Amino acid sequence: MVAVVGPSGAGKDTLMAYAARFFEGRDDVVFVRRIITRNAAAGGEDHDGVSEAEFEALEKAGRFAVSWGAHGLRYGIPAETKEAMAKGQLVVANGSRSALARFKDVYPSLVVINITASLDVLAARLEARGRETREEILRRLERSSLAVTGDYQVMTIDNSGSLEDAGRALVDALNGCFTSHQIS
């Protein structure tokens, strides 16, 4: 399991879409479609949108391998990801730094790819979304850390520059995970 994490505006969704295009047609790499309590037409990440009640029902039915809450939303990684891993597939999911302990409990061979960007780049990207004022964005960025803490295998990719450079770095990191998975 590869959990891709990083702050809002770092470009996780964009880089994961880049990597998904690269690995398209391969059945040994699976990109997870998350279930989120947000309208599926809200933009950003391609996900399955559900209501809070639907999410609760799915969670109670054991349909999530991992679930967590952040930023007023609930997120779930489908339980089928465990079957994909059991078949030897490399599973890539958009995760959360706050949920890494839950990921590690379910996926002991967890690899974390931390997508970062300079504070200026993050602020500009978040401001372009139009969801917060510049002052709110700067306050949020000041109190957040770009680092992953804990006992995890972590690779960091700086996405402050071109999409091509960071996208290639993510593809290379995923290829490295797959290669090391095959060797062990």
C-alpha atoms as a PDB file:
ATOM      1  CA  MET A   1       0.000   0.000   0.000  1.00  0.00           C
ATOM      2  CA  VAL A   2       1.241   3.427  -0.936  1.00  0.00           C
ATOM      3  CA  ALA A   3      -0.450   6.322   0.850  1.00  0.00           C
ATOM      4  CA  VAL A   4       0.070   9.637  -0.919  1.00  0.00           C
ATOM      5  CA  VAL A   5      -0.155  12.470   1.602  1.00  0.00           C
ATOM      6  CA  GLY A   6       0.626  16.155   1.835  1.00  0.00           C
ATOM      7  CA  PRO A   7      -0.951  19.514   2.588  1.00  0.00           C
ATOM      8  CA  SER A   8      -3.833  21.000   0.627  1.00  0.00           C
ATOM      9  CA  GLY A   9      -2.515  22.602  -2.529  1.00  0.00           C
ATOM     10  CA  ALA A  10       0.534  20.345  -2.805  1.00  0.00           C
ATOM     11  CA  GLY A  11      -0.897  18.736  -5.953  1.00  0.00           C
ATOM     12  CA  LYS A  12      -1.583  15.196  -4.750  1.00  0.00           C
ATOM     13  CA  ASP A  13      -4.606  14.693  -7.028  1.00  0.00           C
ATOM     14  CA  THR A  14      -2.814  16.130 -10.056  1.00  0.00           C
ATOM     15  CA  LEU A  15       0.262  13.965  -9.511  1.00  0.00           C
ATOM     16  CA  MET A  16      -1.793  10.845  -8.848  1.00  0.00           C
ATOM     17  CA  ALA A  17      -3.719  11.458 -12.093  1.00  0.00           C
ATOM     18  CA  TYR A  18      -0.375  11.834 -13.906  1.00  0.00           C
ATOM     19  CA  ALA A  19       0.857   8.530 -12.464  1.00  0.00           C
ATOM     20  CA  ALA A  20      -2.461   6.789 -13.178  1.00  0.00           C
ATOM     21  CA  ARG A  21      -2.139   7.749 -16.857  1.00  0.00           C
ATOM     22  CA  PHE A  22       1.400   6.344 -16.880  1.00  0.00           C
ATOM     23  CA  PHE A  23       0.295   3.016 -15.354  1.00  0.00           C
ATOM     24  CA  GLU A  24      -2.950   2.800 -17.359  1.00  0.00           C
ATOM     25  CA  GLY A  25      -3.585  -0.686 -18.679  1.00  0.00           C
ATOM     26  CA  ARG A  26      -1.435  -2.409 -16.057  1.00  0.00           C
ATOM     27  CA  ASP A  27      -3.299  -4.690 -13.701  1.00  0.00           C
ATOM     28  CA  ASP A  28      -0.459  -4.813 -11.152  1.00  0.00           C
ATOM     29  CA  VAL A  29      -1.005  -1.180 -10.052  1.00  0.00           C
ATOM     30  CA  VAL A  30      -4.349  -0.037  -8.625  1.00  0.00           C
ATOM     31  CA  PHE A  31      -5.298   3.568  -7.900  1.00  0.00           C
ATOM     32  CA  VAL A  32      -7.962   3.704  -5.189  1.00  0.00           C
ATOM     33  CA  ARG A  33     -11.175   5.659  -5.644  1.00  0.00           C
ATOM     34  CA  ARG A  34     -12.009   7.044  -2.200  1.00  0.00           C
ATOM     35  CA  ILE A  35     -15.473   7.434  -0.716  1.00  0.00           C
ATOM     36  CA  ILE A  36     -15.963  10.948   0.684  1.00  0.00           C
ATOM     37  CA  THR A  37     -18.849  12.790   2.324  1.00  0.00           C
ATOM     38  CA  ARG A  38     -18.641  15.429  -0.403  1.00  0.00           C
ATOM     39  CA  ASN A  39     -20.613  15.818  -3.613  1.00  0.00           C
ATOM     40  CA  ALA A  40     -18.877  13.889  -6.394  1.00  0.00           C
ATOM     41  CA  ALA A  41     -19.270  16.932  -8.670  1.00  0.00           C
ATOM     42  CA  ALA A  42     -17.423  19.207  -6.216  1.00  0.00           C
ATOM     43  CA  GLY A  43     -14.251  19.144  -8.297  1.00  0.00           C
ATOM     44  CA  GLY A  44     -10.745  18.094  -7.401  1.00  0.00           C
ATOM     45  CA  GLU A  45     -10.241  14.410  -6.714  1.00  0.00           C
ATOM     46  CA  ASP A  46     -12.353  11.883  -8.609  1.00  0.00           C
ATOM     47  CA  HIS A  47     -14.256  10.151  -5.797  1.00  0.00           C
ATOM     48  CA  ASP A  48     -17.536   8.530  -4.831  1.00  0.00           C
ATOM     49  CA  GLY A  49     -19.619  11.096  -2.971  1.00  0.00           C
ATOM     50  CA  VAL A  50     -21.961   9.907  -0.230  1.00  0.00           C
ATOM     51  CA  SER A  51     -24.032  11.483   2.522  1.00  0.00           C
ATOM     52  CA  GLU A  52     -22.962  11.280   6.147  1.00  0.00           C
ATOM     53  CA  ALA A  53     -25.671   8.647   6.757  1.00  0.00           C
ATOM     54  CA  GLU A  54     -24.518   6.573   3.770  1.00  0.00           C
ATOM     55  CA  PHE A  55     -20.930   6.782   4.987  1.00  0.00           C
ATOM     56  CA  GLU A  56     -21.972   5.614   8.472  1.00  0.00           C
ATOM     57  CA  ALA A  57     -23.861   2.663   6.968  1.00  0.00           C
ATOM     58  CA  LEU A  58     -20.871   1.668   4.806  1.00  0.00           C
ATOM     59  CA  GLU A  59     -18.550   1.945   7.790  1.00  0.00           C
ATOM     60  CA  LYS A  60     -20.823  -0.185   9.996  1.00  0.00           C
ATOM     61  CA  ALA A  61     -21.068  -2.787   7.223  1.00  0.00           C
ATOM     62  CA  GLY A  62     -17.260  -3.124   7.169  1.00  0.00           C
ATOM     63  CA  ARG A  63     -16.912  -1.687   3.661  1.00  0.00           C
ATOM     64  CA  PHE A  64     -13.828   0.382   4.548  1.00  0.00           C
ATOM     65  CA  ALA A  65     -10.316  -0.878   5.216  1.00  0.00           C
ATOM     66  CA  VAL A  66      -9.497   2.561   6.631  1.00  0.00           C
ATOM     67  CA  SER A  67     -11.694   5.560   7.395  1.00  0.00           C
ATOM     68  CA  TRP A  68     -11.068   8.947   9.010  1.00  0.00           C
ATOM     69  CA  GLY A  69     -12.361  12.479   9.310  1.00  0.00           C
ATOM     70  CA  ALA A  70     -10.591  15.690   8.306  1.00  0.00           C
ATOM     71  CA  HIS A  71     -11.597  19.225   7.332  1.00  0.00           C
ATOM     72  CA  GLY A  72     -15.253  18.532   8.159  1.00  0.00           C
ATOM     73  CA  LEU A  73     -15.442  15.539   5.796  1.00  0.00           C
ATOM     74  CA  ARG A  74     -15.232  11.748   6.184  1.00  0.00           C
ATOM     75  CA  TYR A  75     -12.983   9.630   3.977  1.00  0.00           C
ATOM     76  CA  GLY A  76     -12.963   5.885   3.344  1.00  0.00           C
ATOM     77  CA  ILE A  77     -10.602   3.483   1.598  1.00  0.00           C
ATOM     78  CA  PRO A  78     -12.629   0.515   0.254  1.00  0.00           C
ATOM     79  CA  ALA A  79     -12.073  -2.857   1.920  1.00  0.00           C
ATOM     80  CA  GLU A  80     -11.375  -4.398  -1.513  1.00  0.00           C
ATOM     81  CA  THR A  81      -7.919  -2.822  -1.371  1.00  0.00           C
ATOM     82  CA  LYS A  82      -6.866  -5.595   1.019  1.00  0.00           C
ATOM     83  CA  GLU A  83      -7.828  -8.200  -1.594  1.00  0.00           C
ATOM     84  CA  ALA A  84      -5.857  -6.340  -4.271  1.00  0.00           C
ATOM     85  CA  MET A  85      -2.784  -6.356  -2.062  1.00  0.00           C
ATOM     86  CA  ALA A  86      -3.253 -10.051  -1.309  1.00  0.00           C
ATOM     87  CA  LYS A  87      -3.127 -10.650  -5.084  1.00  0.00           C
ATOM     88  CA  GLY A  88       0.223  -8.845  -5.229  1.00  0.00           C
ATOM     89  CA  GLN A  89      -1.021  -5.588  -6.698  1.00  0.00           C
ATOM     90  CA  LEU A  90       0.552  -2.261  -5.756  1.00  0.00           C
ATOM     91  CA  VAL A  91      -2.304  -0.201  -4.286  1.00  0.00           C
ATOM     92  CA  VAL A  92      -2.020   3.602  -4.336  1.00  0.00           C
ATOM     93  CA  ALA A  93      -4.391   5.751  -2.280  1.00  0.00           C
ATOM     94  CA  ASN A  94      -4.765   9.402  -1.462  1.00  0.00           C
ATOM     95  CA  GLY A  95      -4.321   9.313   2.299  1.00  0.00           C
ATOM     96  CA  SER A  96      -3.953  11.702   5.198  1.00  0.00           C
ATOM     97  CA  ARG A  97      -1.034  12.318   7.518  1.00  0.00           C
ATOM     98  CA  SER A  98      -3.493  12.198  10.424  1.00  0.00           C
ATOM     99  CA  ALA A  99      -4.646   8.682   9.429  1.00  0.00           C
ATOM    100  CA  LEU A 100      -1.260   7.047   8.796  1.00  0.00           C
ATOM    101  CA  ALA A 101      -1.391   4.970  11.992  1.00  0.00           C
ATOM    102  CA  ARG A 102      -4.717   3.505  10.794  1.00  0.00           C
ATOM    103  CA  PHE A 103      -3.199   2.762   7.378  1.00  0.00           C
ATOM    104  CA  LYS A 104      -0.204   1.061   9.019  1.00  0.00           C
ATOM    105  CA  ASP A 105      -2.493  -1.106  11.184  1.00  0.00           C
ATOM    106  CA  VAL A 106      -4.298  -2.399   8.088  1.00  0.00           C
ATOM    107  CA  TYR A 107      -1.393  -2.367   5.631  1.00  0.00           C
ATOM    108  CA  PRO A 108       1.820  -3.333   7.485  1.00  0.00           C
ATOM    109  CA  SER A 109       3.914  -2.890   4.317  1.00  0.00           C
ATOM    110  CA  LEU A 110       2.829   0.754   4.038  1.00  0.00           C
ATOM    111  CA  VAL A 111       4.940   3.212   2.058  1.00  0.00           C
ATOM    112  CA  VAL A 112       4.187   6.920   2.437  1.00  0.00           C
ATOM    113  CA  ILE A 113       4.810   9.362  -0.380  1.00  0.00           C
ATOM    114  CA  ASN A 114       4.725  12.878   1.021  1.00  0.00           C
ATOM    115  CA  ILE A 115       3.972  15.509  -1.631  1.00  0.00           C
ATOM    116  CA  THR A 116       5.155  18.968  -0.608  1.00  0.00           C
ATOM    117  CA  ALA A 117       5.591  22.385  -2.167  1.00  0.00           C
ATOM    118  CA  SER A 118       6.995  25.697  -1.006  1.00  0.00           C
ATOM    119  CA  LEU A 119       4.697  27.799   1.170  1.00  0.00           C
ATOM    120  CA  ASP A 120       4.432  30.414  -1.604  1.00  0.00           C
ATOM    121  CA  VAL A 121       3.317  27.782  -4.123  1.00  0.00           C
ATOM    122  CA  LEU A 122       0.844  26.251  -1.663  1.00  0.00           C
ATOM    123  CA  ALA A 123      -0.645  29.659  -0.855  1.00  0.00           C
ATOM    124  CA  ALA A 124      -1.025  30.563  -4.545  1.00  0.00           C
ATOM    125  CA  ARG A 125      -2.703  27.239  -5.387  1.00  0.00           C
ATOM    126  CA  LEU A 126      -5.086  27.443  -2.440  1.00  0.00           C
ATOM    127  CA  GLU A 127      -5.939  31.046  -3.240  1.00  0.00           C
ATOM    128  CA  ALA A 128      -6.748  30.056  -6.846  1.00  0.00           C
ATOM    129  CA  ARG A 129      -9.360  27.589  -5.524  1.00  0.00           C
ATOM    130  CA  GLY A 130     -11.273  30.517  -4.035  1.00  0.00           C
ATOM    131  CA  ARG A 131     -12.441  28.621  -0.937  1.00  0.00           C
ATOM    132  CA  GLU A 132     -10.544  30.733   1.623  1.00  0.00           C
ATOM    133  CA  THR A 133      -9.167  34.245   1.921  1.00  0.00           C
ATOM    134  CA  ARG A 134      -5.426  34.765   1.597  1.00  0.00           C
ATOM    135  CA  GLU A 135      -5.251  35.538   5.335  1.00  0.00           C
ATOM    136  CA  GLU A 136      -7.028  32.268   6.230  1.00  0.00           C
ATOM    137  CA  ILE A 137      -4.702  30.359   3.922  1.00  0.00           C
ATOM    138  CA  LEU A 138      -1.557  31.901   5.409  1.00  0.00           C
ATOM    139  CA  ARG A 139      -2.756  31.188   8.971  1.00  0.00           C
ATOM    140  CA  ARG A 140      -3.465  27.560   8.055  1.00  0.00           C
ATOM    141  CA  LEU A 141      -0.099  27.114   6.357  1.00  0.00           C
ATOM    142  CA  GLU A 142       1.765  28.682   9.286  1.00  0.00           C
ATOM    143  CA  ARG A 143       0.325  26.174  11.754  1.00  0.00           C
ATOM    144  CA  SER A 144       0.790  23.104   9.569  1.00  0.00           C
ATOM    145  CA  SER A 145       3.895  21.016   9.112  1.00  0.00           C
ATOM    146  CA  LEU A 146       4.971  19.608   5.769  1.00  0.00           C
ATOM    147  CA  ALA A 147       6.762  16.688   7.429  1.00  0.00           C
ATOM    148  CA  VAL A 148       5.491  13.185   8.120  1.00  0.00           C
ATOM    149  CA  THR A 149       6.215  12.102  11.677  1.00  0.00           C
ATOM    150  CA  GLY A 150       6.185   8.537  12.884  1.00  0.00           C
ATOM    151  CA  ASP A 151       7.757   5.206  12.086  1.00  0.00           C
ATOM    152  CA  TYR A 152       6.976   5.042   8.373  1.00  0.00           C
ATOM    153  CA  GLN A 153       8.917   4.434   5.190  1.00  0.00           C
ATOM    154  CA  VAL A 154       8.609   7.917   3.656  1.00  0.00           C
ATOM    155  CA  MET A 155       9.590   9.329   0.278  1.00  0.00           C
ATOM    156  CA  THR A 156       9.151  13.072  -0.224  1.00  0.00           C
ATOM    157  CA  ILE A 157       8.479  14.722  -3.572  1.00  0.00           C
ATOM    158  CA  ASP A 158       8.674  18.509  -3.932  1.00  0.00           C
ATOM    159  CA  ASN A 159       5.965  19.673  -6.320  1.00  0.00           C
ATOM    160  CA  SER A 160       6.972  23.340  -6.389  1.00  0.00           C
ATOM    161  CA  GLY A 161       8.203  23.123  -9.985  1.00  0.00           C
ATOM    162  CA  SER A 162       6.859  21.561 -13.155  1.00  0.00           C
ATOM    163  CA  LEU A 163       4.173  18.893 -13.245  1.00  0.00           C
ATOM    164  CA  GLU A 164       6.417  16.822 -15.512  1.00  0.00           C
ATOM    165  CA  ASP A 165       9.285  16.774 -12.980  1.00  0.00           C
ATOM    166  CA  ALA A 166       7.131  15.932  -9.952  1.00  0.00           C
ATOM    167  CA  GLY A 167       4.977  13.501 -11.958  1.00  0.00           C
ATOM    168  CA  ARG A 168       8.059  11.631 -13.152  1.00  0.00           C
ATOM    169  CA  ALA A 169       9.343  11.530  -9.561  1.00  0.00           C
ATOM    170  CA  LEU A 170       6.064   9.955  -8.412  1.00  0.00           C
ATOM    171  CA  VAL A 171       6.128   7.393 -11.248  1.00  0.00           C
ATOM    172  CA  ASP A 172       9.730   6.535 -10.356  1.00  0.00           C
ATOM    173  CA  ALA A 173       8.830   6.207  -6.654  1.00  0.00           C
ATOM    174  CA  LEU A 174       5.910   3.903  -7.476  1.00  0.00           C
ATOM    175  CA  ASN A 175       8.044   1.808  -9.813  1.00  0.00           C
ATOM    176  CA  GLY A 176      10.584   1.533  -6.995  1.00  0.00           C
ATOM    177  CA  CYS A 177       7.891   0.361  -4.584  1.00  0.00           C
ATOM    178  CA  PHE A 178       6.689  -2.233  -7.037  1.00  0.00           C
ATOM    179  CA  THR A 179      10.213  -3.447  -7.730  1.00  0.00           C
ATOM    180  CA  SER A 180      11.079  -3.747  -4.022  1.00  0.00           C
ATOM    181  CA  HIS A 181       7.747  -5.491  -3.413  1.00  0.00           C
ATOM    182  CA  GLN A 182       8.573  -8.093  -6.060  1.00  0.00           C
ATOM    183  CA  ILE A 183      12.060  -8.693  -4.633  1.00  0.00           C
ATOM    184  CA  SER A 184      10.968  -9.240  -1.042  1.00  0.00           C
END
